[in-house]
Amino acid sequence: MTDMNKIAEKIQHLLDRTVANGATEGEAQNALLLAQKLMAKYNIAAGDIGNGEKVEYSLEPCKVRVNPRSKWMCVVIANSFAVKCIISGNHICYFGHSLNVTAAKSALEFAHRVMERGMTKACRNHGLSGTEDKGASLIYNAYATGFINGLKEALDAQTVALAVVVPEDVTNEFAKRFPNLRKGRSTGWKAGNYQDDYMAGKEDGKSVMAKRSLEA
């Protein structure tokens, strides 16, 4: 029988390898990918073992401000980490199995931070000092659209490879706890005259969670 406690401890150890805790971004990224791989196996194993252990759910807020870009990104990441996303006022939260929620939260905060740096860089490449300058919105929206599309493409491939799905018990518990929650809808923007920024964002989005192979 698989020791689920040891698996959970290993996943938690990987999730603790964050930039804030002294890891490089590459190390944090790779740890997050490996944690996702283990969580996919963990969810399958937990269902097969049927050892009667109580499933732990959690609802955690993310340290990412709510805007159209983060709302779109949070849904992309939720699908890949088998959790549900809730946006309430100025808060983005994830709900699901505790370890999955922690991983999804880490992934969102990490990817969003990288995207914001890329948006600022794209603006400076056009001679603007930052995203608040006049005319910057078209540039950073083009970059962000590419980034999130690239991220989605990479995460969708991982999701299929790992056979990640939101567990039925999570879906049922979510509906039970939040019966009146309306389903949101998010959309991207057009690249317009900034196709180069869109493509730069897309390449960055693809690589932010996929620089290292899951089989490594």
N, C-alpha and C. Protein backbone atom coordinates (compact mmCIF):
# COMPACT_ATOMS: atom_id res chain seq x y z
N MET A 1 0.85 -1.20 0.00
CA MET A 1 0.00 0.00 0.00
C MET A 1 0.88 1.25 0.00
N THR A 2 0.53 2.21 -0.83
CA THR A 2 1.28 3.46 -0.89
C THR A 2 1.10 4.25 0.40
N ASP A 3 2.19 4.78 0.94
CA ASP A 3 2.13 5.61 2.13
C ASP A 3 1.75 7.03 1.71
N MET A 4 0.45 7.36 1.84
CA MET A 4 -0.04 8.64 1.37
C MET A 4 0.52 9.80 2.19
N ASN A 5 0.84 9.54 3.47
CA ASN A 5 1.42 10.60 4.29
C ASN A 5 2.78 11.03 3.76
N LYS A 6 3.59 10.05 3.33
CA LYS A 6 4.91 10.36 2.80
C LYS A 6 4.80 11.11 1.47
N ILE A 7 3.81 10.72 0.65
CA ILE A 7 3.60 11.42 -0.62
C ILE A 7 3.21 12.87 -0.35
N ALA A 8 2.29 13.05 0.61
CA ALA A 8 1.84 14.40 0.95
C ALA A 8 3.00 15.25 1.47
N GLU A 9 3.85 14.64 2.30
CA GLU A 9 5.01 15.36 2.82
C GLU A 9 5.97 15.77 1.71
N LYS A 10 6.16 14.87 0.75
CA LYS A 10 7.05 15.18 -0.37
C LYS A 10 6.50 16.31 -1.22
N ILE A 11 5.20 16.26 -1.47
CA ILE A 11 4.56 17.33 -2.24
C ILE A 11 4.69 18.66 -1.51
N GLN A 12 4.43 18.64 -0.20
CA GLN A 12 4.52 19.87 0.58
C GLN A 12 5.94 20.42 0.56
N HIS A 13 6.93 19.52 0.63
CA HIS A 13 8.33 19.94 0.58
C HIS A 13 8.63 20.64 -0.74
N LEU A 14 8.10 20.10 -1.83
CA LEU A 14 8.30 20.72 -3.14
C LEU A 14 7.63 22.09 -3.21
N LEU A 15 6.42 22.19 -2.64
CA LEU A 15 5.68 23.45 -2.68
C LEU A 15 6.34 24.52 -1.81
N ASP A 16 7.11 24.07 -0.83
CA ASP A 16 7.81 25.02 0.03
C ASP A 16 9.06 25.61 -0.62
N ARG A 17 9.45 25.06 -1.77
CA ARG A 17 10.64 25.56 -2.46
C ARG A 17 10.27 26.77 -3.31
N THR A 18 10.05 27.88 -2.66
CA THR A 18 9.64 29.11 -3.32
C THR A 18 10.79 30.09 -3.34
N VAL A 19 10.65 31.12 -4.16
CA VAL A 19 11.65 32.19 -4.22
C VAL A 19 11.75 32.87 -2.86
N ALA A 20 10.61 33.04 -2.21
CA ALA A 20 10.60 33.69 -0.89
C ALA A 20 11.38 32.88 0.13
N ASN A 21 11.47 31.57 -0.09
CA ASN A 21 12.20 30.71 0.84
C ASN A 21 13.63 30.44 0.40
N GLY A 22 14.11 31.20 -0.60
CA GLY A 22 15.51 31.12 -0.98
C GLY A 22 15.81 30.34 -2.25
N ALA A 23 14.80 29.77 -2.90
CA ALA A 23 15.03 29.04 -4.14
C ALA A 23 15.13 30.03 -5.30
N THR A 24 15.86 29.64 -6.34
CA THR A 24 15.86 30.46 -7.55
C THR A 24 14.53 30.26 -8.27
N GLU A 25 14.22 31.13 -9.24
CA GLU A 25 12.96 30.97 -9.95
C GLU A 25 12.93 29.65 -10.71
N GLY A 26 14.08 29.25 -11.26
CA GLY A 26 14.13 27.97 -11.97
C GLY A 26 13.87 26.80 -11.04
N GLU A 27 14.44 26.84 -9.84
CA GLU A 27 14.24 25.78 -8.86
C GLU A 27 12.78 25.74 -8.38
N ALA A 28 12.22 26.91 -8.14
CA ALA A 28 10.83 26.98 -7.69
C ALA A 28 9.89 26.46 -8.76
N GLN A 29 10.17 26.83 -10.00
CA GLN A 29 9.35 26.39 -11.12
C GLN A 29 9.40 24.88 -11.28
N ASN A 30 10.60 24.32 -11.23
CA ASN A 30 10.75 22.88 -11.40
C ASN A 30 10.09 22.12 -10.26
N ALA A 31 10.21 22.63 -9.03
CA ALA A 31 9.58 21.99 -7.88
C ALA A 31 8.06 21.98 -8.05
N LEU A 32 7.51 23.07 -8.58
CA LEU A 32 6.07 23.17 -8.77
C LEU A 32 5.59 22.15 -9.82
N LEU A 33 6.37 21.98 -10.87
CA LEU A 33 6.02 21.01 -11.90
C LEU A 33 6.05 19.58 -11.34
N LEU A 34 7.07 19.28 -10.58
CA LEU A 34 7.18 17.94 -9.99
C LEU A 34 6.05 17.70 -8.98
N ALA A 35 5.69 18.74 -8.24
CA ALA A 35 4.58 18.62 -7.30
C ALA A 35 3.29 18.33 -8.04
N GLN A 36 3.09 19.01 -9.17
CA GLN A 36 1.87 18.78 -9.96
C GLN A 36 1.82 17.33 -10.44
N LYS A 37 2.94 16.82 -10.86
CA LYS A 37 3.00 15.43 -11.34
C LYS A 37 2.63 14.46 -10.22
N LEU A 38 3.19 14.68 -9.03
CA LEU A 38 2.88 13.82 -7.90
C LEU A 38 1.42 13.94 -7.48
N MET A 39 0.89 15.16 -7.53
CA MET A 39 -0.50 15.35 -7.13
C MET A 39 -1.46 14.63 -8.06
N ALA A 40 -1.12 14.59 -9.35
CA ALA A 40 -1.96 13.87 -10.29
C ALA A 40 -1.99 12.39 -9.92
N LYS A 41 -0.82 11.82 -9.60
CA LYS A 41 -0.77 10.42 -9.19
C LYS A 41 -1.44 10.23 -7.83
N TYR A 42 -1.25 11.20 -6.95
CA TYR A 42 -1.81 11.12 -5.60
C TYR A 42 -3.33 11.05 -5.64
N ASN A 43 -3.95 11.87 -6.47
CA ASN A 43 -5.41 11.88 -6.56
C ASN A 43 -5.94 10.55 -7.06
N ILE A 44 -5.27 9.97 -8.05
CA ILE A 44 -5.68 8.68 -8.58
C ILE A 44 -5.51 7.60 -7.52
N ALA A 45 -4.34 7.62 -6.84
CA ALA A 45 -4.07 6.61 -5.83
C ALA A 45 -5.06 6.69 -4.68
N ALA A 46 -5.40 7.91 -4.27
CA ALA A 46 -6.31 8.08 -3.15
C ALA A 46 -7.66 7.46 -3.46
N GLY A 47 -8.10 7.60 -4.70
CA GLY A 47 -9.37 7.02 -5.08
C GLY A 47 -9.32 5.51 -5.15
N ASP A 48 -8.17 4.98 -5.52
CA ASP A 48 -8.02 3.53 -5.65
C ASP A 48 -7.87 2.84 -4.31
N ILE A 49 -7.20 3.50 -3.37
CA ILE A 49 -6.91 2.86 -2.09
C ILE A 49 -8.17 2.70 -1.24
N GLY A 50 -8.96 3.76 -1.19
CA GLY A 50 -10.19 3.68 -0.42
C GLY A 50 -9.94 3.35 1.05
N ASN A 51 -8.98 4.02 1.66
CA ASN A 51 -8.60 3.68 3.03
C ASN A 51 -9.40 4.42 4.09
N GLY A 52 -10.42 5.13 3.66
CA GLY A 52 -11.30 5.76 4.63
C GLY A 52 -10.79 7.06 5.21
N GLU A 53 -9.64 7.54 4.76
CA GLU A 53 -9.11 8.79 5.28
C GLU A 53 -9.99 9.97 4.85
N LYS A 54 -10.17 10.90 5.78
CA LYS A 54 -11.00 12.06 5.49
C LYS A 54 -10.29 13.00 4.52
N VAL A 55 -11.00 13.40 3.49
CA VAL A 55 -10.44 14.31 2.50
C VAL A 55 -10.44 15.72 3.07
N GLU A 56 -9.33 16.42 2.94
CA GLU A 56 -9.23 17.79 3.44
C GLU A 56 -9.41 18.77 2.29
N TYR A 57 -10.33 19.72 2.47
CA TYR A 57 -10.55 20.77 1.49
C TYR A 57 -10.04 22.09 2.07
N SER A 58 -9.68 22.99 1.19
CA SER A 58 -9.29 24.32 1.67
C SER A 58 -9.69 25.37 0.66
N LEU A 59 -9.85 26.58 1.16
CA LEU A 59 -10.15 27.75 0.33
C LEU A 59 -9.09 28.79 0.68
N GLU A 60 -8.23 29.11 -0.29
CA GLU A 60 -7.11 30.02 -0.01
C GLU A 60 -7.12 31.22 -0.95
N PRO A 61 -6.95 32.42 -0.40
CA PRO A 61 -6.83 33.62 -1.24
C PRO A 61 -5.42 33.73 -1.82
N CYS A 62 -5.31 34.32 -2.99
CA CYS A 62 -4.01 34.51 -3.65
C CYS A 62 -3.56 35.96 -3.52
N LYS A 63 -2.25 36.14 -3.51
CA LYS A 63 -1.68 37.49 -3.41
C LYS A 63 -1.53 38.10 -4.80
N VAL A 64 -2.61 38.11 -5.53
CA VAL A 64 -2.64 38.69 -6.88
C VAL A 64 -3.86 39.59 -6.97
N ARG A 65 -3.65 40.82 -7.39
CA ARG A 65 -4.78 41.74 -7.47
C ARG A 65 -5.70 41.35 -8.63
N VAL A 66 -6.98 41.59 -8.43
CA VAL A 66 -7.98 41.22 -9.43
C VAL A 66 -8.01 42.23 -10.56
N ASN A 67 -7.84 41.76 -11.77
CA ASN A 67 -8.01 42.57 -12.98
C ASN A 67 -8.34 41.59 -14.10
N PRO A 68 -8.72 42.06 -15.28
CA PRO A 68 -9.09 41.13 -16.34
C PRO A 68 -8.03 40.10 -16.67
N ARG A 69 -6.76 40.47 -16.57
CA ARG A 69 -5.68 39.52 -16.89
C ARG A 69 -5.57 38.42 -15.83
N SER A 70 -5.59 38.82 -14.56
CA SER A 70 -5.45 37.82 -13.50
C SER A 70 -6.68 36.92 -13.42
N LYS A 71 -7.86 37.45 -13.75
CA LYS A 71 -9.07 36.63 -13.75
C LYS A 71 -8.98 35.55 -14.82
N TRP A 72 -8.45 35.90 -15.96
CA TRP A 72 -8.27 34.94 -17.05
C TRP A 72 -7.21 33.91 -16.67
N MET A 73 -6.10 34.37 -16.12
CA MET A 73 -5.01 33.47 -15.76
C MET A 73 -5.42 32.50 -14.66
N CYS A 74 -6.20 32.97 -13.69
CA CYS A 74 -6.55 32.10 -12.56
C CYS A 74 -7.37 30.90 -13.01
N VAL A 75 -8.22 31.10 -14.02
CA VAL A 75 -9.01 29.99 -14.55
C VAL A 75 -8.13 29.00 -15.30
N VAL A 76 -7.19 29.50 -16.08
CA VAL A 76 -6.26 28.64 -16.81
C VAL A 76 -5.50 27.73 -15.85
N ILE A 77 -5.02 28.31 -14.75
CA ILE A 77 -4.25 27.53 -13.77
C ILE A 77 -5.13 26.59 -12.98
N ALA A 78 -6.34 27.00 -12.65
CA ALA A 78 -7.25 26.13 -11.90
C ALA A 78 -7.49 24.82 -12.63
N ASN A 79 -7.70 24.89 -13.94
CA ASN A 79 -7.96 23.69 -14.72
C ASN A 79 -6.79 22.72 -14.70
N SER A 80 -5.58 23.25 -14.58
CA SER A 80 -4.40 22.41 -14.62
C SER A 80 -4.03 21.81 -13.27
N PHE A 81 -4.56 22.39 -12.20
CA PHE A 81 -4.24 21.88 -10.87
C PHE A 81 -5.45 21.27 -10.16
N ALA A 82 -6.48 20.97 -10.92
CA ALA A 82 -7.65 20.23 -10.42
C ALA A 82 -8.35 20.93 -9.26
N VAL A 83 -8.50 22.25 -9.38
CA VAL A 83 -9.18 23.02 -8.34
C VAL A 83 -10.22 23.93 -8.98
N LYS A 84 -11.00 24.57 -8.14
CA LYS A 84 -11.99 25.54 -8.58
C LYS A 84 -11.53 26.95 -8.21
N CYS A 85 -11.84 27.89 -9.07
CA CYS A 85 -11.45 29.28 -8.85
C CYS A 85 -12.66 30.11 -8.45
N ILE A 86 -12.47 30.97 -7.46
CA ILE A 86 -13.52 31.88 -7.01
C ILE A 86 -12.98 33.30 -7.04
N ILE A 87 -13.73 34.20 -7.66
CA ILE A 87 -13.35 35.60 -7.66
C ILE A 87 -14.47 36.38 -6.99
N SER A 88 -14.13 36.98 -5.86
CA SER A 88 -15.11 37.72 -5.08
C SER A 88 -14.54 39.08 -4.73
N GLY A 89 -15.11 40.12 -5.33
CA GLY A 89 -14.61 41.46 -5.08
C GLY A 89 -13.17 41.59 -5.53
N ASN A 90 -12.29 41.92 -4.60
CA ASN A 90 -10.87 42.08 -4.93
C ASN A 90 -10.04 40.84 -4.59
N HIS A 91 -10.70 39.71 -4.41
CA HIS A 91 -10.00 38.51 -3.99
C HIS A 91 -10.14 37.37 -5.02
N ILE A 92 -8.99 36.74 -5.32
CA ILE A 92 -8.97 35.52 -6.12
C ILE A 92 -8.65 34.38 -5.17
N CYS A 93 -9.50 33.36 -5.14
CA CYS A 93 -9.31 32.23 -4.25
C CYS A 93 -9.38 30.92 -5.03
N TYR A 94 -8.73 29.91 -4.49
CA TYR A 94 -8.84 28.56 -5.05
C TYR A 94 -9.46 27.64 -4.01
N PHE A 95 -10.28 26.70 -4.48
CA PHE A 95 -10.93 25.73 -3.60
C PHE A 95 -10.68 24.33 -4.14
N GLY A 96 -10.40 23.39 -3.23
CA GLY A 96 -10.21 22.00 -3.63
C GLY A 96 -9.44 21.25 -2.58
N HIS A 97 -8.83 20.12 -2.99
CA HIS A 97 -7.97 19.39 -2.06
C HIS A 97 -6.83 20.29 -1.63
N SER A 98 -6.49 20.25 -0.37
CA SER A 98 -5.58 21.23 0.23
C SER A 98 -4.27 21.39 -0.52
N LEU A 99 -3.60 20.29 -0.85
CA LEU A 99 -2.31 20.38 -1.54
C LEU A 99 -2.46 20.97 -2.94
N ASN A 100 -3.53 20.60 -3.62
CA ASN A 100 -3.76 21.14 -4.96
C ASN A 100 -3.98 22.64 -4.91
N VAL A 101 -4.72 23.09 -3.90
CA VAL A 101 -4.99 24.52 -3.74
C VAL A 101 -3.69 25.28 -3.48
N THR A 102 -2.84 24.74 -2.62
CA THR A 102 -1.55 25.39 -2.34
C THR A 102 -0.71 25.49 -3.60
N ALA A 103 -0.72 24.43 -4.41
CA ALA A 103 0.06 24.43 -5.65
C ALA A 103 -0.50 25.42 -6.66
N ALA A 104 -1.82 25.46 -6.80
CA ALA A 104 -2.44 26.39 -7.75
C ALA A 104 -2.16 27.83 -7.35
N LYS A 105 -2.24 28.11 -6.06
CA LYS A 105 -1.95 29.45 -5.56
C LYS A 105 -0.50 29.83 -5.87
N SER A 106 0.43 28.92 -5.62
CA SER A 106 1.85 29.19 -5.90
C SER A 106 2.07 29.42 -7.39
N ALA A 107 1.39 28.63 -8.22
CA ALA A 107 1.55 28.75 -9.67
C ALA A 107 1.03 30.09 -10.17
N LEU A 108 -0.13 30.51 -9.66
CA LEU A 108 -0.70 31.80 -10.09
C LEU A 108 0.20 32.96 -9.69
N GLU A 109 0.64 32.96 -8.44
CA GLU A 109 1.46 34.07 -7.96
C GLU A 109 2.79 34.12 -8.71
N PHE A 110 3.37 32.96 -9.00
CA PHE A 110 4.63 32.90 -9.72
C PHE A 110 4.46 33.38 -11.16
N ALA A 111 3.49 32.82 -11.88
CA ALA A 111 3.29 33.17 -13.29
C ALA A 111 2.88 34.62 -13.45
N HIS A 112 2.04 35.11 -12.55
CA HIS A 112 1.58 36.50 -12.65
C HIS A 112 2.73 37.47 -12.43
N ARG A 113 3.62 37.15 -11.50
CA ARG A 113 4.79 38.00 -11.25
C ARG A 113 5.69 38.07 -12.48
N VAL A 114 5.92 36.91 -13.11
CA VAL A 114 6.74 36.88 -14.32
C VAL A 114 6.08 37.67 -15.44
N MET A 115 4.76 37.53 -15.59
CA MET A 115 4.04 38.25 -16.64
C MET A 115 4.13 39.76 -16.44
N GLU A 116 3.99 40.23 -15.22
CA GLU A 116 4.05 41.67 -14.97
C GLU A 116 5.43 42.24 -15.30
N ARG A 117 6.48 41.47 -14.98
CA ARG A 117 7.82 41.92 -15.36
C ARG A 117 7.95 42.00 -16.87
N GLY A 118 7.39 41.03 -17.57
CA GLY A 118 7.44 41.04 -19.03
C GLY A 118 6.66 42.19 -19.62
N MET A 119 5.53 42.53 -19.02
CA MET A 119 4.73 43.65 -19.50
C MET A 119 5.51 44.96 -19.38
N THR A 120 6.17 45.13 -18.24
CA THR A 120 6.97 46.34 -18.03
C THR A 120 8.12 46.41 -19.04
N LYS A 121 8.76 45.29 -19.27
CA LYS A 121 9.87 45.24 -20.23
C LYS A 121 9.38 45.58 -21.63
N ALA A 122 8.21 45.05 -22.01
CA ALA A 122 7.66 45.33 -23.34
C ALA A 122 7.41 46.82 -23.51
N CYS A 123 6.89 47.47 -22.47
CA CYS A 123 6.65 48.91 -22.54
C CYS A 123 7.96 49.68 -22.70
N ARG A 124 8.97 49.28 -21.96
CA ARG A 124 10.25 49.97 -22.03
C ARG A 124 10.91 49.78 -23.39
N ASN A 125 10.64 48.66 -24.03
CA ASN A 125 11.17 48.44 -25.37
C ASN A 125 10.58 49.42 -26.38
N HIS A 126 9.43 50.00 -26.02
CA HIS A 126 8.79 51.01 -26.87
C HIS A 126 9.09 52.43 -26.38
N GLY A 127 10.03 52.55 -25.45
CA GLY A 127 10.41 53.87 -24.96
C GLY A 127 9.52 54.41 -23.87
N LEU A 128 8.69 53.56 -23.30
CA LEU A 128 7.82 53.98 -22.20
C LEU A 128 8.44 53.54 -20.89
N SER A 129 8.27 54.34 -19.86
CA SER A 129 8.93 54.04 -18.59
C SER A 129 8.22 52.95 -17.80
N GLY A 130 6.96 52.69 -18.10
CA GLY A 130 6.23 51.66 -17.37
C GLY A 130 4.83 51.50 -17.90
N THR A 131 4.05 50.62 -17.24
CA THR A 131 2.72 50.29 -17.73
C THR A 131 1.69 51.39 -17.51
N GLU A 132 2.06 52.44 -16.74
CA GLU A 132 1.10 53.51 -16.47
C GLU A 132 1.18 54.64 -17.48
N ASP A 133 2.18 54.64 -18.35
CA ASP A 133 2.32 55.71 -19.33
C ASP A 133 1.22 55.65 -20.38
N LYS A 134 0.95 56.79 -20.98
CA LYS A 134 -0.06 56.88 -22.03
C LYS A 134 0.31 55.98 -23.20
N GLY A 135 -0.64 55.17 -23.63
CA GLY A 135 -0.40 54.26 -24.75
C GLY A 135 0.14 52.90 -24.34
N ALA A 136 0.49 52.77 -23.06
CA ALA A 136 1.08 51.51 -22.61
C ALA A 136 0.08 50.37 -22.58
N SER A 137 -1.20 50.68 -22.37
CA SER A 137 -2.20 49.62 -22.21
C SER A 137 -2.28 48.71 -23.43
N LEU A 138 -2.14 49.28 -24.64
CA LEU A 138 -2.20 48.45 -25.84
C LEU A 138 -1.03 47.47 -25.89
N ILE A 139 0.13 47.95 -25.44
CA ILE A 139 1.33 47.11 -25.47
C ILE A 139 1.24 46.00 -24.44
N TYR A 140 0.93 46.37 -23.19
CA TYR A 140 0.94 45.31 -22.17
C TYR A 140 -0.26 44.37 -22.30
N ASN A 141 -1.36 44.84 -22.90
CA ASN A 141 -2.46 43.90 -23.15
C ASN A 141 -2.10 42.91 -24.24
N ALA A 142 -1.35 43.38 -25.25
CA ALA A 142 -0.89 42.47 -26.32
C ALA A 142 0.06 41.43 -25.73
N TYR A 143 1.00 41.89 -24.91
CA TYR A 143 1.96 40.97 -24.29
C TYR A 143 1.24 39.99 -23.37
N ALA A 144 0.33 40.50 -22.53
CA ALA A 144 -0.38 39.66 -21.58
C ALA A 144 -1.25 38.62 -22.28
N THR A 145 -1.89 39.02 -23.39
CA THR A 145 -2.70 38.07 -24.14
C THR A 145 -1.84 36.93 -24.66
N GLY A 146 -0.69 37.28 -25.21
CA GLY A 146 0.23 36.25 -25.68
C GLY A 146 0.72 35.38 -24.54
N PHE A 147 1.07 36.00 -23.41
CA PHE A 147 1.59 35.27 -22.27
C PHE A 147 0.58 34.24 -21.77
N ILE A 148 -0.65 34.66 -21.57
CA ILE A 148 -1.66 33.75 -21.02
C ILE A 148 -2.03 32.67 -22.02
N ASN A 149 -2.07 33.02 -23.32
CA ASN A 149 -2.32 31.99 -24.33
C ASN A 149 -1.19 30.97 -24.35
N GLY A 150 0.05 31.45 -24.22
CA GLY A 150 1.19 30.53 -24.18
C GLY A 150 1.16 29.66 -22.94
N LEU A 151 0.83 30.27 -21.80
CA LEU A 151 0.71 29.52 -20.55
C LEU A 151 -0.36 28.45 -20.66
N LYS A 152 -1.51 28.83 -21.23
CA LYS A 152 -2.61 27.87 -21.39
C LYS A 152 -2.21 26.71 -22.29
N GLU A 153 -1.50 27.02 -23.36
CA GLU A 153 -1.06 25.98 -24.28
C GLU A 153 -0.15 24.98 -23.57
N ALA A 154 0.80 25.49 -22.79
CA ALA A 154 1.73 24.62 -22.07
C ALA A 154 1.02 23.82 -20.99
N LEU A 155 0.17 24.48 -20.21
CA LEU A 155 -0.52 23.79 -19.12
C LEU A 155 -1.55 22.79 -19.64
N ASP A 156 -2.21 23.11 -20.75
CA ASP A 156 -3.16 22.16 -21.32
C ASP A 156 -2.45 20.88 -21.73
N ALA A 157 -1.25 21.02 -22.30
CA ALA A 157 -0.48 19.84 -22.70
C ALA A 157 -0.11 19.00 -21.47
N GLN A 158 0.30 19.66 -20.38
CA GLN A 158 0.63 18.94 -19.15
C GLN A 158 -0.61 18.28 -18.55
N THR A 159 -1.74 18.99 -18.61
CA THR A 159 -2.98 18.47 -18.05
C THR A 159 -3.39 17.18 -18.75
N VAL A 160 -3.26 17.17 -20.07
CA VAL A 160 -3.59 15.98 -20.84
C VAL A 160 -2.60 14.86 -20.53
N ALA A 161 -1.31 15.21 -20.49
CA ALA A 161 -0.27 14.20 -20.24
C ALA A 161 -0.43 13.55 -18.87
N LEU A 162 -0.84 14.34 -17.88
CA LEU A 162 -0.99 13.83 -16.52
C LEU A 162 -2.41 13.35 -16.21
N ALA A 163 -3.30 13.50 -17.19
CA ALA A 163 -4.71 13.11 -17.00
C ALA A 163 -5.32 13.82 -15.80
N VAL A 164 -5.04 15.12 -15.69
CA VAL A 164 -5.56 15.91 -14.57
C VAL A 164 -7.01 16.30 -14.83
N VAL A 165 -7.87 16.00 -13.88
CA VAL A 165 -9.27 16.43 -13.93
C VAL A 165 -9.67 16.88 -12.52
N VAL A 166 -10.64 17.78 -12.45
CA VAL A 166 -11.16 18.17 -11.15
C VAL A 166 -11.92 16.98 -10.58
N PRO A 167 -11.52 16.45 -9.41
CA PRO A 167 -12.20 15.29 -8.84
C PRO A 167 -13.69 15.54 -8.61
N GLU A 168 -14.48 14.51 -8.75
CA GLU A 168 -15.92 14.64 -8.59
C GLU A 168 -16.29 15.14 -7.20
N ASP A 169 -15.54 14.69 -6.18
CA ASP A 169 -15.87 15.11 -4.82
C ASP A 169 -15.63 16.60 -4.64
N VAL A 170 -14.62 17.15 -5.35
CA VAL A 170 -14.35 18.59 -5.27
C VAL A 170 -15.49 19.37 -5.93
N THR A 171 -15.93 18.90 -7.09
CA THR A 171 -17.04 19.54 -7.78
C THR A 171 -18.30 19.53 -6.93
N ASN A 172 -18.57 18.40 -6.29
CA ASN A 172 -19.77 18.29 -5.44
C ASN A 172 -19.67 19.16 -4.21
N GLU A 173 -18.49 19.17 -3.56
CA GLU A 173 -18.31 19.97 -2.36
C GLU A 173 -18.36 21.46 -2.69
N PHE A 174 -17.83 21.82 -3.85
CA PHE A 174 -17.85 23.21 -4.30
C PHE A 174 -19.29 23.68 -4.48
N ALA A 175 -20.10 22.85 -5.16
CA ALA A 175 -21.50 23.19 -5.39
C ALA A 175 -22.28 23.28 -4.08
N LYS A 176 -21.91 22.42 -3.13
CA LYS A 176 -22.57 22.41 -1.83
C LYS A 176 -22.25 23.67 -1.03
N ARG A 177 -20.99 24.09 -1.05
CA ARG A 177 -20.57 25.24 -0.24
C ARG A 177 -20.92 26.58 -0.88
N PHE A 178 -20.94 26.60 -2.21
CA PHE A 178 -21.18 27.87 -2.91
C PHE A 178 -22.32 27.70 -3.92
N PRO A 179 -23.53 27.44 -3.44
CA PRO A 179 -24.65 27.14 -4.35
C PRO A 179 -25.10 28.33 -5.20
N ASN A 180 -24.82 29.53 -4.73
CA ASN A 180 -25.31 30.72 -5.44
C ASN A 180 -24.22 31.43 -6.24
N LEU A 181 -23.06 30.80 -6.36
CA LEU A 181 -21.95 31.43 -7.07
C LEU A 181 -22.21 31.41 -8.57
N ARG A 182 -22.12 32.56 -9.19
CA ARG A 182 -22.33 32.66 -10.63
C ARG A 182 -21.05 32.31 -11.39
N LYS A 183 -21.22 31.67 -12.51
CA LYS A 183 -20.06 31.32 -13.33
C LYS A 183 -19.59 32.55 -14.09
N GLY A 184 -18.33 32.87 -13.92
CA GLY A 184 -17.77 34.05 -14.58
C GLY A 184 -17.26 33.72 -15.97
N ARG A 185 -16.93 34.75 -16.69
CA ARG A 185 -16.38 34.57 -18.03
C ARG A 185 -15.28 35.60 -18.23
N SER A 186 -14.17 35.13 -18.74
CA SER A 186 -13.05 36.04 -19.00
C SER A 186 -12.60 35.87 -20.43
N THR A 187 -12.03 36.91 -20.97
CA THR A 187 -11.59 36.87 -22.36
C THR A 187 -10.29 37.62 -22.51
N GLY A 188 -9.65 37.43 -23.63
CA GLY A 188 -8.38 38.10 -23.88
C GLY A 188 -8.57 39.36 -24.71
N TRP A 189 -7.47 39.86 -25.23
CA TRP A 189 -7.48 41.06 -26.04
C TRP A 189 -6.82 40.75 -27.37
N LYS A 190 -6.96 41.66 -28.29
CA LYS A 190 -6.31 41.49 -29.59
C LYS A 190 -4.93 42.14 -29.56
N ALA A 191 -4.02 41.56 -30.32
CA ALA A 191 -2.66 42.10 -30.35
C ALA A 191 -2.58 43.43 -31.08
N GLY A 192 -3.50 43.69 -31.99
CA GLY A 192 -3.49 44.95 -32.73
C GLY A 192 -2.21 45.14 -33.51
N ASN A 193 -1.60 46.31 -33.34
CA ASN A 193 -0.35 46.61 -34.05
C ASN A 193 0.88 46.13 -33.28
N TYR A 194 0.67 45.36 -32.25
CA TYR A 194 1.78 44.92 -31.40
C TYR A 194 1.93 43.40 -31.44
N GLN A 195 1.96 42.87 -32.64
CA GLN A 195 2.07 41.42 -32.82
C GLN A 195 3.38 40.88 -32.25
N ASP A 196 4.45 41.65 -32.37
CA ASP A 196 5.74 41.22 -31.83
C ASP A 196 5.67 41.06 -30.31
N ASP A 197 4.96 41.97 -29.66
CA ASP A 197 4.82 41.87 -28.21
C ASP A 197 3.94 40.68 -27.83
N TYR A 198 2.92 40.45 -28.63
CA TYR A 198 2.07 39.27 -28.40
C TYR A 198 2.90 37.99 -28.48
N MET A 199 3.73 37.87 -29.53
CA MET A 199 4.53 36.66 -29.72
C MET A 199 5.58 36.52 -28.63
N ALA A 200 6.17 37.65 -28.19
CA ALA A 200 7.14 37.59 -27.10
C ALA A 200 6.46 37.11 -25.82
N GLY A 201 5.25 37.61 -25.57
CA GLY A 201 4.49 37.17 -24.41
C GLY A 201 4.14 35.69 -24.49
N LYS A 202 3.78 35.25 -25.69
CA LYS A 202 3.40 33.84 -25.84
C LYS A 202 4.57 32.92 -25.56
N GLU A 203 5.75 33.26 -26.04
CA GLU A 203 6.93 32.44 -25.77
C GLU A 203 7.26 32.42 -24.29
N ASP A 204 7.13 33.58 -23.63
CA ASP A 204 7.39 33.64 -22.19
C ASP A 204 6.36 32.82 -21.41
N GLY A 205 5.10 32.89 -21.85
CA GLY A 205 4.04 32.13 -21.18
C GLY A 205 4.23 30.64 -21.32
N LYS A 206 4.68 30.21 -22.49
CA LYS A 206 4.92 28.79 -22.72
C LYS A 206 6.02 28.26 -21.80
N SER A 207 7.04 29.08 -21.61
CA SER A 207 8.22 28.60 -20.88
C SER A 207 8.12 28.77 -19.38
N VAL A 208 7.22 29.63 -18.91
CA VAL A 208 7.21 29.94 -17.49
C VAL A 208 6.92 28.72 -16.62
N MET A 209 6.15 27.77 -17.13
CA MET A 209 5.87 26.57 -16.37
C MET A 209 6.36 25.31 -17.06
N ALA A 210 7.14 25.45 -18.12
CA ALA A 210 7.52 24.27 -18.89
C ALA A 210 8.97 24.28 -19.35
N LYS A 211 9.85 24.98 -18.62
CA LYS A 211 11.24 25.02 -19.04
C LYS A 211 11.93 23.68 -18.83
N ARG A 212 11.43 22.91 -17.88
CA ARG A 212 12.00 21.61 -17.60
C ARG A 212 10.97 20.53 -17.85
N SER A 213 11.42 19.40 -18.35
CA SER A 213 10.51 18.31 -18.67
C SER A 213 9.94 17.68 -17.42
N LEU A 214 8.67 17.30 -17.48
CA LEU A 214 8.05 16.61 -16.37
C LEU A 214 8.63 15.23 -16.17
N GLU A 215 9.30 14.72 -17.17
CA GLU A 215 9.89 13.40 -17.08
C GLU A 215 11.32 13.45 -16.61
N ALA A 216 11.86 14.66 -16.38
CA ALA A 216 13.26 14.78 -15.97
C ALA A 216 13.49 14.21 -14.58
